[in-house]
Protein backbone atom coordinates (compact mmCIF):
# COMPACT_ATOMS: atom_id res chain seq x y z
CA UNK A 1 2.04 -1.08 32.63
CA UNK A 2 -0.12 -4.24 32.34
CA UNK A 3 -1.80 -2.62 29.31
CA UNK A 4 1.33 -1.68 27.67
CA UNK A 5 2.75 -5.34 28.21
CA UNK A 6 -0.28 -6.89 26.34
CA UNK A 7 0.06 -4.41 23.47
CA UNK A 8 3.57 -5.18 22.83
CA UNK A 9 2.85 -9.03 22.88
CA UNK A 10 -0.08 -8.51 20.33
CA UNK A 11 2.38 -6.69 18.27
CA UNK A 12 5.22 -9.40 18.38
CA UNK A 13 2.37 -11.93 17.81
CA UNK A 14 1.08 -9.73 14.70
CA UNK A 15 4.83 -9.72 13.28
CA UNK A 16 5.25 -13.67 13.81
CA UNK A 17 2.06 -14.50 12.03
CA UNK A 18 2.60 -11.88 9.21
CA UNK A 19 6.41 -12.92 8.46
CA UNK A 20 5.63 -16.80 8.59
CA UNK A 21 2.97 -16.46 5.98
CA UNK A 22 4.82 -14.41 3.52
CA UNK A 23 7.95 -16.58 4.14
CA UNK A 24 5.82 -19.51 2.72
CA UNK A 25 4.69 -17.33 -0.23
CA UNK A 26 8.32 -16.24 -0.73
CA UNK A 27 9.45 -19.43 -1.13
CA UNK A 28 6.78 -20.72 -3.36
CA UNK A 29 7.05 -17.69 -5.76
CA UNK A 30 10.92 -18.09 -5.85
CA UNK A 31 10.35 -21.82 -6.99
CA UNK A 32 8.15 -21.29 -9.90
CA UNK A 33 9.79 -18.11 -11.36
CA UNK A 34 11.32 -18.50 -14.48
CA UNK A 35 11.99 -14.83 -15.67
CA UNK A 36 14.60 -12.57 -14.17
CA UNK A 37 12.38 -11.22 -11.70
CA UNK A 38 13.11 -8.55 -8.71
CA UNK A 39 11.47 -9.35 -5.18
CA UNK A 40 11.11 -6.79 -2.27
CA UNK A 41 9.83 -8.01 1.21
CA UNK A 42 9.01 -5.44 3.54
CA UNK A 43 7.55 -5.03 6.81
CA UNK A 44 6.59 -1.82 9.18
CA UNK A 45 4.67 -0.36 11.57
CA UNK A 46 2.28 2.61 11.61
CA UNK A 47 0.41 4.43 14.35
CA UNK A 48 -2.83 4.76 12.11
CA UNK A 49 -4.01 2.59 9.28
CA UNK A 50 -4.62 5.43 6.73
CA UNK A 51 -6.24 4.27 3.65
CA UNK A 52 -7.79 6.78 1.21
CA UNK A 53 -7.50 9.41 3.77
CA UNK A 54 -9.99 7.16 6.44
CA UNK A 55 -8.42 5.62 9.57
CA UNK A 56 -9.05 2.05 9.19
CA UNK A 57 -7.51 1.36 12.87
CA UNK A 58 -4.63 1.91 14.86
CA UNK A 59 -1.02 0.26 15.17
CA UNK A 60 -1.01 -1.12 12.14
CA UNK A 61 1.60 -4.01 11.74
CA UNK A 62 1.91 -5.13 8.28
CA UNK A 63 4.43 -7.05 5.80
CA UNK A 64 4.26 -7.82 1.95
CA UNK A 65 6.02 -9.29 -0.91
CA UNK A 66 6.20 -7.85 -4.09
CA UNK A 67 7.81 -9.14 -7.44
CA UNK A 68 8.24 -7.31 -10.97
CA UNK A 69 9.82 -8.05 -14.02
CA UNK A 70 9.80 -7.30 -17.49
CA UNK A 71 8.12 -9.35 -20.53
CA UNK A 72 7.71 -7.93 -23.95
CA UNK A 73 7.93 -4.37 -23.10
CA UNK A 74 5.73 -4.58 -20.23
CA UNK A 75 6.18 -4.15 -16.59
CA UNK A 76 4.33 -6.89 -15.02
CA UNK A 77 4.11 -6.84 -11.07
CA UNK A 78 2.40 -8.82 -8.40
CA UNK A 79 2.24 -9.07 -4.59
CA UNK A 80 0.64 -9.79 -1.27
CA UNK A 81 0.37 -7.67 1.63
CA UNK A 82 -0.99 -8.45 5.14
CA UNK A 83 -2.03 -5.92 7.90
CA UNK A 84 -3.16 -6.45 11.56
CA UNK A 85 -5.07 -3.44 13.26
CA UNK A 86 -6.61 -2.68 16.59
CA UNK A 87 -10.22 -1.30 16.25
CA UNK A 88 -12.89 -1.19 18.66
CA UNK A 89 -10.89 -3.32 21.00
CA UNK A 90 -10.56 -6.10 18.79
CA UNK A 91 -7.90 -7.16 16.45
CA UNK A 92 -8.60 -7.05 12.44
CA UNK A 93 -6.50 -8.67 9.86
CA UNK A 94 -6.49 -7.98 6.18
CA UNK A 95 -5.15 -9.65 3.35
CA UNK A 96 -4.58 -7.89 -0.24
CA UNK A 97 -3.53 -9.50 -3.58
CA UNK A 98 -2.57 -7.43 -6.18
CA UNK A 99 -1.15 -7.40 -9.78
CA UNK A 100 -0.59 -4.73 -12.35
CA UNK A 101 0.45 -4.36 -16.06
CA UNK A 102 2.53 -1.21 -17.03
CA UNK A 103 3.26 -0.27 -20.68
CA UNK A 104 5.41 3.27 -21.75
CA UNK A 105 3.04 5.10 -24.21
CA UNK A 106 5.84 7.73 -24.64
CA UNK A 107 3.73 10.60 -23.51
CA UNK A 108 2.91 8.63 -20.25
CA UNK A 109 3.03 5.12 -18.60
CA UNK A 110 -0.19 3.53 -18.79
CA UNK A 111 -1.24 0.91 -16.18
CA UNK A 112 -4.15 -1.96 -15.76
CA UNK A 113 -4.14 -3.50 -12.30
CA UNK A 114 -6.34 -5.62 -10.32
CA UNK A 115 -6.54 -5.76 -6.32
CA UNK A 116 -8.51 -8.22 -3.90
CA UNK A 117 -9.22 -7.68 -0.46
CA UNK A 118 -9.65 -10.18 2.25
CA UNK A 119 -10.83 -10.12 5.88
CA UNK A 120 -10.44 -13.19 7.50
CA UNK A 121 -12.38 -12.46 10.57
CA UNK A 122 -15.06 -10.92 7.93
CA UNK A 123 -15.42 -13.17 4.79
CA UNK A 124 -18.41 -11.28 3.64
CA UNK A 125 -16.36 -8.02 3.41
CA UNK A 126 -14.45 -9.32 0.76
CA UNK A 127 -14.26 -6.92 -2.24
CA UNK A 128 -12.27 -6.74 -5.65
CA UNK A 129 -11.36 -3.62 -7.85
CA UNK A 130 -9.79 -3.09 -11.10
CA UNK A 131 -7.32 0.03 -11.44
CA UNK A 132 -6.75 2.21 -14.65
CA UNK A 133 -3.89 4.39 -14.23
CA UNK A 134 -1.73 6.87 -16.20
CA UNK A 135 1.36 8.39 -14.88
CA UNK A 136 4.06 10.98 -16.46
CA UNK A 137 7.32 12.84 -15.19
CA UNK A 138 6.54 16.34 -15.34
CA UNK A 139 9.97 17.18 -14.17
CA UNK A 140 9.36 19.06 -11.11
CA UNK A 141 7.22 15.83 -9.93
CA UNK A 142 5.79 12.69 -11.12
CA UNK A 143 2.24 12.90 -11.65
CA UNK A 144 -0.28 9.94 -11.36
CA UNK A 145 -4.09 9.67 -12.21
CA UNK A 146 -5.86 6.30 -11.12
CA UNK A 147 -9.39 5.33 -11.28
CA UNK A 148 -10.19 2.20 -8.98
CA UNK A 149 -13.39 0.37 -10.13
CA UNK A 150 -15.30 -2.11 -7.57
CA UNK A 151 -16.42 -5.22 -9.31
CA UNK A 152 -18.73 -7.68 -8.27
CA UNK A 153 -16.87 -9.87 -5.34
CA UNK A 154 -17.36 -13.56 -4.42
CA UNK A 155 -19.72 -12.69 -1.41
CA UNK A 156 -21.97 -10.67 -3.73
CA UNK A 157 -20.74 -7.10 -3.70
CA UNK A 158 -22.38 -5.58 -6.57
CA UNK A 159 -21.71 -1.98 -5.50
CA UNK A 160 -19.27 0.27 -7.78
CA UNK A 161 -17.39 2.20 -5.33
CA UNK A 162 -15.56 4.26 -8.04
CA UNK A 163 -12.81 6.07 -6.47
CA UNK A 164 -10.22 8.55 -8.21
CA UNK A 165 -7.01 9.66 -6.88
CA UNK A 166 -4.93 12.41 -8.13
CA UNK A 167 -1.27 12.53 -6.86
CA UNK A 168 2.16 14.07 -6.96
CA UNK A 169 5.59 12.54 -5.83
CA UNK A 170 9.07 13.70 -6.09
CA UNK A 171 12.41 12.49 -4.36
CA UNK A 172 15.54 14.56 -3.32
CA UNK A 173 18.84 12.67 -3.06
CA UNK A 174 20.90 13.91 0.30
CA UNK A 175 23.51 11.44 0.07
CA UNK A 176 24.29 8.36 -1.46
CA UNK A 177 22.59 6.55 0.82
CA UNK A 178 19.93 8.88 2.02
CA UNK A 179 16.66 9.91 -0.10
CA UNK A 180 14.12 12.29 0.86
CA UNK A 181 10.45 11.66 -0.52
CA UNK A 182 7.59 13.67 -0.62
CA UNK A 183 4.24 12.64 -1.73
CA UNK A 184 0.36 14.45 -1.89
CA UNK A 185 -2.68 13.32 -3.47
CA UNK A 186 -6.38 14.20 -3.41
CA UNK A 187 -9.22 11.69 -3.61
CA UNK A 188 -12.73 11.89 -4.99
CA UNK A 189 -15.47 9.17 -4.84
CA UNK A 190 -17.59 8.88 -7.72
CA UNK A 191 -20.62 7.21 -6.01
CA UNK A 192 -20.74 10.16 -3.34
CA UNK A 193 -19.98 12.81 -5.93
CA UNK A 194 -17.57 14.70 -3.77
CA UNK A 195 -13.78 15.06 -2.92
CA UNK A 196 -12.53 12.57 0.44
CA UNK A 197 -9.45 14.00 1.52
CA UNK A 198 -6.01 15.44 0.95
CA UNK A 199 -3.04 13.60 2.20
CA UNK A 200 0.59 14.31 2.41
CA UNK A 201 3.62 12.29 3.16
CA UNK A 202 7.17 12.66 3.87
CA UNK A 203 9.54 9.98 4.11
CA UNK A 204 13.29 9.12 4.30
CA UNK A 205 15.23 6.38 2.88
CA UNK A 206 18.07 5.01 4.32
CA UNK A 207 19.96 2.51 2.90
CA UNK A 208 21.91 0.86 5.58
CA UNK A 209 22.98 -2.07 3.42
CA UNK A 210 23.33 -2.81 -0.49
CA UNK A 211 19.87 -3.96 -0.88
CA UNK A 212 18.03 -3.05 2.29
CA UNK A 213 16.81 0.37 3.58
CA UNK A 214 14.76 1.57 6.33
CA UNK A 215 12.15 4.28 5.96
CA UNK A 216 10.54 6.35 8.64
CA UNK A 217 7.73 8.58 7.67
CA UNK A 218 5.08 10.87 8.78
CA UNK A 219 1.63 11.42 7.05
CA UNK A 220 -1.12 13.94 7.57
CA UNK A 221 -4.68 13.73 5.91
CA UNK A 222 -6.99 16.73 5.74
CA UNK A 223 -10.75 16.03 5.46
CA UNK A 224 -12.85 17.40 2.58
CA UNK A 225 -15.52 15.24 2.99
CA UNK A 226 -17.93 15.88 6.23
CA UNK A 227 -17.79 12.06 6.81
CA UNK A 228 -14.16 12.22 7.00
CA UNK A 229 -11.70 13.80 9.62
CA UNK A 230 -8.20 15.05 9.87
CA UNK A 231 -5.82 12.29 10.57
CA UNK A 232 -2.21 11.88 11.18
CA UNK A 233 0.08 8.73 11.04
CA UNK A 234 3.74 7.89 11.62
CA UNK A 235 5.86 4.98 11.50
CA UNK A 236 8.35 3.39 9.62
CA UNK A 237 9.49 0.25 7.11
CA UNK A 238 12.12 -2.01 6.50
CA UNK A 239 12.63 -3.51 2.92
CA UNK A 240 14.95 -5.89 1.56
CA UNK A 241 15.33 -6.41 -2.35
CA UNK A 242 16.57 -9.59 -4.05
């Protein structure tokens, strides 16, 4: 009982800390935006933090703010994400900053993106990635192919951890306020020269208000590489667009 109470207390602390940081960023972005920008604020919980088929911890408490707009035929997007997990008996935080530019080429959508990963408890673990992606609607599903190229970080990380991911996704409208989403992807690590895992995810989007939705989900990752293990995760997210 005492352990359960401590876990609930830690979870509430994580939520308060995360929402406070994102509220400050939201106020800053809203103040400087000049174009017509769409914002999405989201917060959620996952039993397992699955990242590219690998478990990075348990009890992920997360929140983020995304913004997107159209500029000269380009879709420009940016965001910030904060997550907190329990791993090896301690709390680990992660803050990601990311942005992307997408162009409709006719036969497919091409994107160029950037992600910076920061870890407050371990500043030497900072990494950065540039991504190159193609996306096309095949009718039966939306197909995406993305390559992530690790670039040298501020802390001297000069390893190119090339990672490629092929994914397929489709959404089904069950009612005016309820959508069923399915997605599956397989990852490949260029440095190791092997596939990592095959991950499948199913979620429901329940639009309980005009600009707000609740999205419970389940995900299962099947290990392909020997260094990975089969993983299961479940949770949910609340998001608000404005």
